[in-house]
Amino acid sequence: MAFDLVQYFAEQINNQKPQLLTQYAKQEKKEYLSEINALVLGKLITLWRSDEKKMYQEICSPDDLFSQEVARHLITFEKNQSGLAKQDLEDTVAEVLKLQLVELKQLNDIGNLQISGLRELLLGQIEHLSGQASDWVWSTNDLVELKGSKPIVQEEISLDTTMKEFNQMVSQQHTPTNEDILSYSESTINAVPTWSKILEPLVAVVVLCILYSAVTQIFV
């Protein structure tokens, strides 16, 4: 199972953006932020699917114009059924989107994930997003395979535990597998020059001759 970005981003939003939606009651604020977190992350996943090279560049070099375009699309899409006031929704989506892009860049830099590692990380979030939001969220961010998914109750864990899971994921990514070791062994074997195999019988004959000569001299 991939490192859980859904909960990781939720923790970062809570820690870094405490000013978001403070005009709402605590539980209501938590539900709105959870909804927007899923909305934005789901959109980043579908954008990655459509053009991963472009999306990788956007993560490595976050651009405000790109963030504005994605946020505007999510806010104005006809299937968006958020209960937030339009201005609150626009401001919050933009802030969460910027935060997610910055955090993805940091995770990429820390773990040296590169495009293959980020692909595994982002596409692995679908299982974590399952059941985390209403169907209109999946229709809005084009993650339609999650429509109708049932809520999954997840135990809340600390940020330290979350980062340990990320470090474990990075470690596994850079640790040679049995297949890698076997492949290396085979390539090493195959690297033995053909001429050395041809000379092996000749070398054996020469060694036997030397031994025979030595033995005969002893008994002479």
C-alpha atoms as a PDB file:
ATOM      1  CA  MET A   1       0.000   0.000   0.000  1.00  0.00           C
ATOM      2  CA  ALA A   2       1.333   3.440  -0.976  1.00  0.00           C
ATOM      3  CA  PHE A   3       2.299   6.079   1.566  1.00  0.00           C
ATOM      4  CA  ASP A   4      -0.944   7.827   2.617  1.00  0.00           C
ATOM      5  CA  LEU A   5      -0.883  11.335   1.137  1.00  0.00           C
ATOM      6  CA  VAL A   6      -4.533  11.921   2.030  1.00  0.00           C
ATOM      7  CA  GLN A   7      -3.861  11.957   5.751  1.00  0.00           C
ATOM      8  CA  TYR A   8      -0.424  13.509   5.326  1.00  0.00           C
ATOM      9  CA  PHE A   9      -1.901  16.488   3.456  1.00  0.00           C
ATOM     10  CA  ALA A  10      -4.718  16.764   5.997  1.00  0.00           C
ATOM     11  CA  GLU A  11      -2.125  17.075   8.761  1.00  0.00           C
ATOM     12  CA  GLN A  12      -0.125  19.644   6.805  1.00  0.00           C
ATOM     13  CA  ILE A  13      -3.242  21.717   6.096  1.00  0.00           C
ATOM     14  CA  ASN A  14      -4.066  21.690   9.797  1.00  0.00           C
ATOM     15  CA  ASN A  15      -0.506  22.644  10.796  1.00  0.00           C
ATOM     16  CA  GLN A  16       0.367  25.144   8.059  1.00  0.00           C
ATOM     17  CA  LYS A  17      -3.012  26.690   7.213  1.00  0.00           C
ATOM     18  CA  PRO A  18      -4.873  27.084  10.544  1.00  0.00           C
ATOM     19  CA  GLN A  19      -6.436  30.302   9.214  1.00  0.00           C
ATOM     20  CA  LEU A  20      -8.520  28.480   6.612  1.00  0.00           C
ATOM     21  CA  LEU A  21     -12.307  28.480   7.208  1.00  0.00           C
ATOM     22  CA  THR A  22     -12.005  29.690  10.806  1.00  0.00           C
ATOM     23  CA  GLN A  23     -15.479  31.239  10.453  1.00  0.00           C
ATOM     24  CA  TYR A  24     -17.002  27.747  10.536  1.00  0.00           C
ATOM     25  CA  ALA A  25     -17.569  25.438  13.496  1.00  0.00           C
ATOM     26  CA  LYS A  26     -14.717  23.028  14.223  1.00  0.00           C
ATOM     27  CA  GLN A  27     -16.412  19.882  12.878  1.00  0.00           C
ATOM     28  CA  GLU A  28     -17.836  21.702   9.869  1.00  0.00           C
ATOM     29  CA  LYS A  29     -14.415  23.157   9.052  1.00  0.00           C
ATOM     30  CA  LYS A  30     -12.838  19.699   9.305  1.00  0.00           C
ATOM     31  CA  GLU A  31     -15.402  18.217   6.900  1.00  0.00           C
ATOM     32  CA  TYR A  32     -14.991  21.020   4.346  1.00  0.00           C
ATOM     33  CA  LEU A  33     -11.203  20.776   4.424  1.00  0.00           C
ATOM     34  CA  SER A  34     -11.335  16.997   4.083  1.00  0.00           C
ATOM     35  CA  GLU A  35     -13.623  17.403   1.071  1.00  0.00           C
ATOM     36  CA  ILE A  36     -11.332  19.961  -0.589  1.00  0.00           C
ATOM     37  CA  ASN A  37      -8.229  17.893   0.202  1.00  0.00           C
ATOM     38  CA  ALA A  38      -9.762  14.945  -1.683  1.00  0.00           C
ATOM     39  CA  LEU A  39     -10.988  17.208  -4.485  1.00  0.00           C
ATOM     40  CA  VAL A  40      -7.549  18.707  -5.127  1.00  0.00           C
ATOM     41  CA  LEU A  41      -5.505  15.511  -4.728  1.00  0.00           C
ATOM     42  CA  GLY A  42      -7.882  13.645  -7.028  1.00  0.00           C
ATOM     43  CA  LYS A  43      -7.417  16.322  -9.682  1.00  0.00           C
ATOM     44  CA  LEU A  44      -3.635  16.093  -9.424  1.00  0.00           C
ATOM     45  CA  ILE A  45      -3.910  12.339  -9.981  1.00  0.00           C
ATOM     46  CA  THR A  46      -6.040  12.724 -13.132  1.00  0.00           C
ATOM     47  CA  LEU A  47      -3.700  15.434 -14.456  1.00  0.00           C
ATOM     48  CA  TRP A  48      -0.775  13.084 -13.865  1.00  0.00           C
ATOM     49  CA  ARG A  49      -2.550  10.363 -15.822  1.00  0.00           C
ATOM     50  CA  SER A  50      -3.147  12.663 -18.771  1.00  0.00           C
ATOM     51  CA  ASP A  51       0.444  14.001 -19.015  1.00  0.00           C
ATOM     52  CA  GLU A  52       2.860  12.817 -16.359  1.00  0.00           C
ATOM     53  CA  LYS A  53       5.892  14.630 -17.790  1.00  0.00           C
ATOM     54  CA  LYS A  54       4.120  17.990 -17.716  1.00  0.00           C
ATOM     55  CA  MET A  55       2.757  17.293 -14.236  1.00  0.00           C
ATOM     56  CA  TYR A  56       6.203  16.268 -12.999  1.00  0.00           C
ATOM     57  CA  GLN A  57       7.606  19.594 -14.193  1.00  0.00           C
ATOM     58  CA  GLU A  58       4.781  21.467 -12.449  1.00  0.00           C
ATOM     59  CA  ILE A  59       5.624  19.675  -9.200  1.00  0.00           C
ATOM     60  CA  CYS A  60       9.353  20.333  -9.535  1.00  0.00           C
ATOM     61  CA  SER A  61       8.737  24.004 -10.371  1.00  0.00           C
ATOM     62  CA  PRO A  62       5.360  25.077  -8.923  1.00  0.00           C
ATOM     63  CA  ASP A  63       3.768  27.844 -10.985  1.00  0.00           C
ATOM     64  CA  ASP A  64       1.057  30.183  -9.682  1.00  0.00           C
ATOM     65  CA  LEU A  65      -0.621  30.410 -13.086  1.00  0.00           C
ATOM     66  CA  PHE A  66      -0.969  26.637 -13.260  1.00  0.00           C
ATOM     67  CA  SER A  67      -2.422  26.563  -9.744  1.00  0.00           C
ATOM     68  CA  GLN A  68      -4.915  29.289 -10.644  1.00  0.00           C
ATOM     69  CA  GLU A  69      -6.071  27.437 -13.765  1.00  0.00           C
ATOM     70  CA  VAL A  70      -6.592  24.153 -11.918  1.00  0.00           C
ATOM     71  CA  ALA A  71      -8.346  25.871  -9.017  1.00  0.00           C
ATOM     72  CA  ARG A  72     -10.619  27.830 -11.357  1.00  0.00           C
ATOM     73  CA  HIS A  73     -11.608  24.653 -13.180  1.00  0.00           C
ATOM     74  CA  LEU A  74     -12.505  22.886  -9.937  1.00  0.00           C
ATOM     75  CA  ILE A  75     -14.447  25.865  -8.607  1.00  0.00           C
ATOM     76  CA  THR A  76     -16.500  26.603 -11.731  1.00  0.00           C
ATOM     77  CA  PHE A  77     -17.148  23.027 -12.868  1.00  0.00           C
ATOM     78  CA  GLU A  78     -20.897  22.469 -13.111  1.00  0.00           C
ATOM     79  CA  LYS A  79     -20.833  19.270 -11.043  1.00  0.00           C
ATOM     80  CA  ASN A  80     -19.221  21.005  -8.070  1.00  0.00           C
ATOM     81  CA  GLN A  81     -21.767  20.811  -5.240  1.00  0.00           C
ATOM     82  CA  SER A  82     -19.723  22.228  -2.374  1.00  0.00           C
ATOM     83  CA  GLY A  83     -21.741  23.837   0.407  1.00  0.00           C
ATOM     84  CA  LEU A  84     -19.114  26.553   0.842  1.00  0.00           C
ATOM     85  CA  ALA A  85     -19.680  30.123  -0.281  1.00  0.00           C
ATOM     86  CA  LYS A  86     -18.022  30.721  -3.663  1.00  0.00           C
ATOM     87  CA  GLN A  87     -15.285  33.011  -2.332  1.00  0.00           C
ATOM     88  CA  ASP A  88     -14.500  30.698   0.583  1.00  0.00           C
ATOM     89  CA  LEU A  89     -14.324  27.753  -1.808  1.00  0.00           C
ATOM     90  CA  GLU A  90     -12.070  29.594  -4.259  1.00  0.00           C
ATOM     91  CA  ASP A  91      -9.637  30.795  -1.589  1.00  0.00           C
ATOM     92  CA  THR A  92      -9.458  27.413   0.145  1.00  0.00           C
ATOM     93  CA  VAL A  93      -9.009  25.348  -3.013  1.00  0.00           C
ATOM     94  CA  ALA A  94      -6.189  27.654  -4.158  1.00  0.00           C
ATOM     95  CA  GLU A  95      -4.397  27.427  -0.801  1.00  0.00           C
ATOM     96  CA  VAL A  96      -4.744  23.644  -0.546  1.00  0.00           C
ATOM     97  CA  LEU A  97      -3.568  23.181  -4.126  1.00  0.00           C
ATOM     98  CA  LYS A  98      -0.448  25.288  -3.550  1.00  0.00           C
ATOM     99  CA  LEU A  99       0.296  23.400  -0.342  1.00  0.00           C
ATOM    100  CA  GLN A 100      -0.045  19.998  -2.014  1.00  0.00           C
ATOM    101  CA  LEU A 101       2.278  20.974  -4.867  1.00  0.00           C
ATOM    102  CA  VAL A 102       4.906  22.319  -2.468  1.00  0.00           C
ATOM    103  CA  GLU A 103       4.692  19.212  -0.273  1.00  0.00           C
ATOM    104  CA  LEU A 104       4.978  16.901  -3.300  1.00  0.00           C
ATOM    105  CA  LYS A 105       8.092  18.792  -4.403  1.00  0.00           C
ATOM    106  CA  GLN A 106       9.617  18.405  -0.933  1.00  0.00           C
ATOM    107  CA  LEU A 107       8.825  14.681  -0.812  1.00  0.00           C
ATOM    108  CA  ASN A 108      10.329  14.299  -4.273  1.00  0.00           C
ATOM    109  CA  ASP A 109      13.494  16.150  -3.224  1.00  0.00           C
ATOM    110  CA  ILE A 110      13.846  14.329   0.107  1.00  0.00           C
ATOM    111  CA  GLY A 111      13.228  10.864  -1.291  1.00  0.00           C
ATOM    112  CA  ASN A 112      14.785  11.443  -4.736  1.00  0.00           C
ATOM    113  CA  LEU A 113      11.614   9.872  -6.120  1.00  0.00           C
ATOM    114  CA  GLN A 114      11.912  11.246  -9.657  1.00  0.00           C
ATOM    115  CA  ILE A 115       9.121  10.619 -12.160  1.00  0.00           C
ATOM    116  CA  SER A 116       8.782   6.875 -11.511  1.00  0.00           C
ATOM    117  CA  GLY A 117       8.590   7.308  -7.750  1.00  0.00           C
ATOM    118  CA  LEU A 118       6.036  10.119  -7.962  1.00  0.00           C
ATOM    119  CA  ARG A 119       3.970   8.027 -10.360  1.00  0.00           C
ATOM    120  CA  GLU A 120       3.841   5.197  -7.831  1.00  0.00           C
ATOM    121  CA  LEU A 121       3.106   7.627  -5.002  1.00  0.00           C
ATOM    122  CA  LEU A 122       0.287   9.544  -6.716  1.00  0.00           C
ATOM    123  CA  LEU A 123      -1.464   6.626  -8.414  1.00  0.00           C
ATOM    124  CA  GLY A 124      -1.283   4.702  -5.147  1.00  0.00           C
ATOM    125  CA  GLN A 125      -3.503   7.311  -3.482  1.00  0.00           C
ATOM    126  CA  ILE A 126      -6.673   6.066  -5.160  1.00  0.00           C
ATOM    127  CA  GLU A 127      -7.060   3.358  -2.526  1.00  0.00           C
ATOM    128  CA  HIS A 128      -6.645   5.958   0.235  1.00  0.00           C
ATOM    129  CA  LEU A 129      -9.159   8.320  -1.382  1.00  0.00           C
ATOM    130  CA  SER A 130     -11.787   5.615  -1.723  1.00  0.00           C
ATOM    131  CA  GLY A 131     -14.836   6.514   0.355  1.00  0.00           C
ATOM    132  CA  GLN A 132     -13.348   9.814   1.548  1.00  0.00           C
ATOM    133  CA  ALA A 133     -15.811  12.129  -0.228  1.00  0.00           C
ATOM    134  CA  SER A 134     -19.202  12.389  -1.925  1.00  0.00           C
ATOM    135  CA  ASP A 135     -19.649  11.374  -5.555  1.00  0.00           C
ATOM    136  CA  TRP A 136     -19.752  14.967  -6.802  1.00  0.00           C
ATOM    137  CA  VAL A 137     -16.094  15.302  -5.764  1.00  0.00           C
ATOM    138  CA  TRP A 138     -15.084  12.421  -8.047  1.00  0.00           C
ATOM    139  CA  SER A 139     -17.185  13.782 -10.898  1.00  0.00           C
ATOM    140  CA  THR A 140     -15.578  17.208 -10.504  1.00  0.00           C
ATOM    141  CA  ASN A 141     -11.960  16.018 -10.430  1.00  0.00           C
ATOM    142  CA  ASP A 142     -12.537  13.258 -13.058  1.00  0.00           C
ATOM    143  CA  LEU A 143     -11.652  10.429 -10.678  1.00  0.00           C
ATOM    144  CA  VAL A 144     -14.886   8.715 -11.662  1.00  0.00           C
ATOM    145  CA  GLU A 145     -13.797   5.185 -10.702  1.00  0.00           C
ATOM    146  CA  LEU A 146     -14.336   6.197  -7.077  1.00  0.00           C
ATOM    147  CA  LYS A 147     -17.985   7.101  -7.570  1.00  0.00           C
ATOM    148  CA  GLY A 148     -20.093   4.975  -5.258  1.00  0.00           C
ATOM    149  CA  SER A 149     -17.115   3.994  -3.092  1.00  0.00           C
ATOM    150  CA  LYS A 150     -18.011   3.318   0.506  1.00  0.00           C
ATOM    151  CA  PRO A 151     -16.407   5.280   3.345  1.00  0.00           C
ATOM    152  CA  ILE A 152     -13.337   3.670   4.861  1.00  0.00           C
ATOM    153  CA  VAL A 153     -12.746   4.301   8.554  1.00  0.00           C
ATOM    154  CA  GLN A 154      -9.054   5.024   9.044  1.00  0.00           C
ATOM    155  CA  GLU A 155      -7.262   5.353  12.344  1.00  0.00           C
ATOM    156  CA  GLU A 156      -5.665   8.763  12.774  1.00  0.00           C
ATOM    157  CA  ILE A 157      -1.899   8.562  13.141  1.00  0.00           C
ATOM    158  CA  SER A 158       0.748  11.121  14.059  1.00  0.00           C
ATOM    159  CA  LEU A 159       2.872  13.034  11.571  1.00  0.00           C
ATOM    160  CA  ASP A 160       5.971  11.203  12.867  1.00  0.00           C
ATOM    161  CA  THR A 161       4.378   7.853  12.035  1.00  0.00           C
ATOM    162  CA  THR A 162       3.343   9.127   8.622  1.00  0.00           C
ATOM    163  CA  MET A 163       6.892  10.246   7.813  1.00  0.00           C
ATOM    164  CA  LYS A 164       8.280   6.895   8.958  1.00  0.00           C
ATOM    165  CA  GLU A 165       5.989   5.253   6.408  1.00  0.00           C
ATOM    166  CA  PHE A 166       7.328   7.599   3.735  1.00  0.00           C
ATOM    167  CA  ASN A 167      10.943   6.824   4.661  1.00  0.00           C
ATOM    168  CA  GLN A 168      10.141   3.119   4.487  1.00  0.00           C
ATOM    169  CA  MET A 169       8.630   3.587   1.021  1.00  0.00           C
ATOM    170  CA  VAL A 170      11.758   5.436  -0.170  1.00  0.00           C
ATOM    171  CA  SER A 171      14.028   2.788   1.346  1.00  0.00           C
ATOM    172  CA  GLN A 172      12.147   0.000  -0.425  1.00  0.00           C
ATOM    173  CA  GLN A 173      12.304   1.895  -3.695  1.00  0.00           C
ATOM    174  CA  HIS A 174      16.112   2.178  -3.571  1.00  0.00           C
ATOM    175  CA  THR A 175      16.836  -1.295  -2.102  1.00  0.00           C
ATOM    176  CA  PRO A 176      17.890  -3.908  -4.707  1.00  0.00           C
ATOM    177  CA  THR A 177      15.362  -6.707  -5.082  1.00  0.00           C
ATOM    178  CA  ASN A 178      16.162 -10.409  -5.505  1.00  0.00           C
ATOM    179  CA  GLU A 179      15.431  -9.988  -9.200  1.00  0.00           C
ATOM    180  CA  ASP A 180      17.981  -7.145  -9.413  1.00  0.00           C
ATOM    181  CA  ILE A 181      20.616  -9.297  -7.667  1.00  0.00           C
ATOM    182  CA  LEU A 182      19.883 -12.289  -9.914  1.00  0.00           C
ATOM    183  CA  SER A 183      20.040 -10.093 -13.000  1.00  0.00           C
ATOM    184  CA  TYR A 184      23.389  -8.675 -11.880  1.00  0.00           C
ATOM    185  CA  SER A 185      24.766 -12.173 -11.232  1.00  0.00           C
ATOM    186  CA  GLU A 186      23.674 -13.367 -14.650  1.00  0.00           C
ATOM    187  CA  SER A 187      25.221 -10.349 -16.339  1.00  0.00           C
ATOM    188  CA  THR A 188      28.472 -10.961 -14.449  1.00  0.00           C
ATOM    189  CA  ILE A 189      28.538 -14.566 -15.588  1.00  0.00           C
ATOM    190  CA  ASN A 190      27.771 -13.588 -19.149  1.00  0.00           C
ATOM    191  CA  ALA A 191      30.589 -11.038 -19.017  1.00  0.00           C
ATOM    192  CA  VAL A 192      33.281 -13.794 -18.865  1.00  0.00           C
ATOM    193  CA  PRO A 193      35.173 -13.659 -22.195  1.00  0.00           C
ATOM    194  CA  THR A 194      34.511 -16.509 -24.640  1.00  0.00           C
ATOM    195  CA  TRP A 195      38.234 -16.984 -25.290  1.00  0.00           C
ATOM    196  CA  SER A 196      38.806 -17.866 -21.626  1.00  0.00           C
ATOM    197  CA  LYS A 197      36.354 -20.755 -21.904  1.00  0.00           C
ATOM    198  CA  ILE A 198      38.152 -22.034 -25.019  1.00  0.00           C
ATOM    199  CA  LEU A 199      41.558 -21.979 -23.278  1.00  0.00           C
ATOM    200  CA  GLU A 200      40.347 -23.824 -20.183  1.00  0.00           C
ATOM    201  CA  PRO A 201      41.020 -27.348 -21.598  1.00  0.00           C
ATOM    202  CA  LEU A 202      44.487 -26.296 -22.851  1.00  0.00           C
ATOM    203  CA  VAL A 203      45.400 -24.891 -19.463  1.00  0.00           C
ATOM    204  CA  ALA A 204      44.308 -28.140 -17.822  1.00  0.00           C
ATOM    205  CA  VAL A 205      46.510 -30.186 -20.172  1.00  0.00           C
ATOM    206  CA  VAL A 206      49.537 -27.982 -19.456  1.00  0.00           C
ATOM    207  CA  VAL A 207      49.004 -28.354 -15.694  1.00  0.00           C
ATOM    208  CA  LEU A 208      48.792 -32.160 -16.010  1.00  0.00           C
ATOM    209  CA  CYS A 209      52.004 -32.253 -18.030  1.00  0.00           C
ATOM    210  CA  ILE A 210      53.848 -30.229 -15.386  1.00  0.00           C
ATOM    211  CA  LEU A 211      52.577 -32.509 -12.624  1.00  0.00           C
ATOM    212  CA  TYR A 212      53.571 -35.628 -14.578  1.00  0.00           C
ATOM    213  CA  SER A 213      57.061 -34.291 -15.188  1.00  0.00           C
ATOM    214  CA  ALA A 214      57.477 -33.489 -11.494  1.00  0.00           C
ATOM    215  CA  VAL A 215      56.361 -36.968 -10.414  1.00  0.00           C
ATOM    216  CA  THR A 216      58.648 -38.790 -12.850  1.00  0.00           C
ATOM    217  CA  GLN A 217      61.655 -36.788 -11.652  1.00  0.00           C
ATOM    218  CA  ILE A 218      60.953 -37.815  -8.069  1.00  0.00           C
ATOM    219  CA  PHE A 219      61.097 -41.512  -8.882  1.00  0.00           C
ATOM    220  CA  VAL A 220      64.020 -41.303 -11.247  1.00  0.00           C
END
